[in-house]
C-alpha atoms as a PDB file:
ATOM      1  CA  MET A   1     -26.018   4.446 -10.887  1.00  0.00           C
ATOM      2  CA  ILE A   2     -25.025   0.838 -10.258  1.00  0.00           C
ATOM      3  CA  SER A   3     -22.022   1.107 -12.583  1.00  0.00           C
ATOM      4  CA  HIS A   4     -20.896   4.211 -10.687  1.00  0.00           C
ATOM      5  CA  LEU A   5     -21.120   2.257  -7.431  1.00  0.00           C
ATOM      6  CA  PHE A   6     -19.029  -0.592  -8.832  1.00  0.00           C
ATOM      7  CA  TYR A   7     -16.497   1.910 -10.180  1.00  0.00           C
ATOM      8  CA  SER A   8     -16.119   3.602  -6.784  1.00  0.00           C
ATOM      9  CA  LEU A   9     -15.789   0.209  -5.103  1.00  0.00           C
ATOM     10  CA  TYR A  10     -13.080  -0.774  -7.605  1.00  0.00           C
ATOM     11  CA  LEU A  11     -11.218   2.487  -6.965  1.00  0.00           C
ATOM     12  CA  PHE A  12     -11.496   1.903  -3.212  1.00  0.00           C
ATOM     13  CA  LYS A  13     -10.070  -1.622  -3.538  1.00  0.00           C
ATOM     14  CA  ALA A  14      -7.255  -0.407  -5.793  1.00  0.00           C
ATOM     15  CA  GLY A  15      -6.381   2.402  -3.385  1.00  0.00           C
ATOM     16  CA  LEU A  16      -6.405  -0.004  -0.449  1.00  0.00           C
ATOM     17  CA  LEU A  17      -4.117  -2.413  -2.312  1.00  0.00           C
ATOM     18  CA  PHE A  18      -1.683   0.347  -3.296  1.00  0.00           C
ATOM     19  CA  GLY A  19      -1.685   1.627   0.281  1.00  0.00           C
ATOM     20  CA  LEU A  20      -0.889  -1.835   1.623  1.00  0.00           C
ATOM     21  CA  ILE A  21       1.961  -2.331  -0.863  1.00  0.00           C
ATOM     22  CA  PHE A  22       3.351   1.133  -0.077  1.00  0.00           C
ATOM     23  CA  PHE A  23       3.204   0.402   3.668  1.00  0.00           C
ATOM     24  CA  LEU A  24       4.985  -2.946   3.216  1.00  0.00           C
ATOM     25  CA  VAL A  25       7.739  -1.398   1.083  1.00  0.00           C
ATOM     26  CA  PHE A  26       8.146   1.483   3.541  1.00  0.00           C
ATOM     27  CA  SER A  27       8.426  -0.829   6.574  1.00  0.00           C
ATOM     28  CA  LEU A  28      10.846  -3.138   4.755  1.00  0.00           C
ATOM     29  CA  SER A  29      13.093  -0.262   3.658  1.00  0.00           C
ATOM     30  CA  LYS A  30      13.011   1.130   7.213  1.00  0.00           C
ATOM     31  CA  ASP A  31      14.041  -2.244   8.661  1.00  0.00           C
ATOM     32  CA  TRP A  32      16.745  -2.600   5.992  1.00  0.00           C
ATOM     33  CA  SER A  33      18.249   0.817   6.765  1.00  0.00           C
ATOM     34  CA  PHE A  34      18.114   0.023  10.498  1.00  0.00           C
ATOM     35  CA  PHE A  35      19.923  -3.274   9.856  1.00  0.00           C
ATOM     36  CA  CYS A  36      22.595  -1.489   7.805  1.00  0.00           C
ATOM     37  CA  LEU A  37      23.086   1.086  10.562  1.00  0.00           C
ATOM     38  CA  LYS A  38      23.309  -1.659  13.193  1.00  0.00           C
ATOM     39  CA  SER A  39      25.968  -3.601  11.297  1.00  0.00           C
END
């Protein structure tokens, strides 16, 4: 039971990290396209 809890916590942390990286890449690409359109 404890190992299952640690496994779910690890999956939650990994999903949170991937979500943060995806959000950063998405915002950066959006800003980059906006900068290209502006110039």
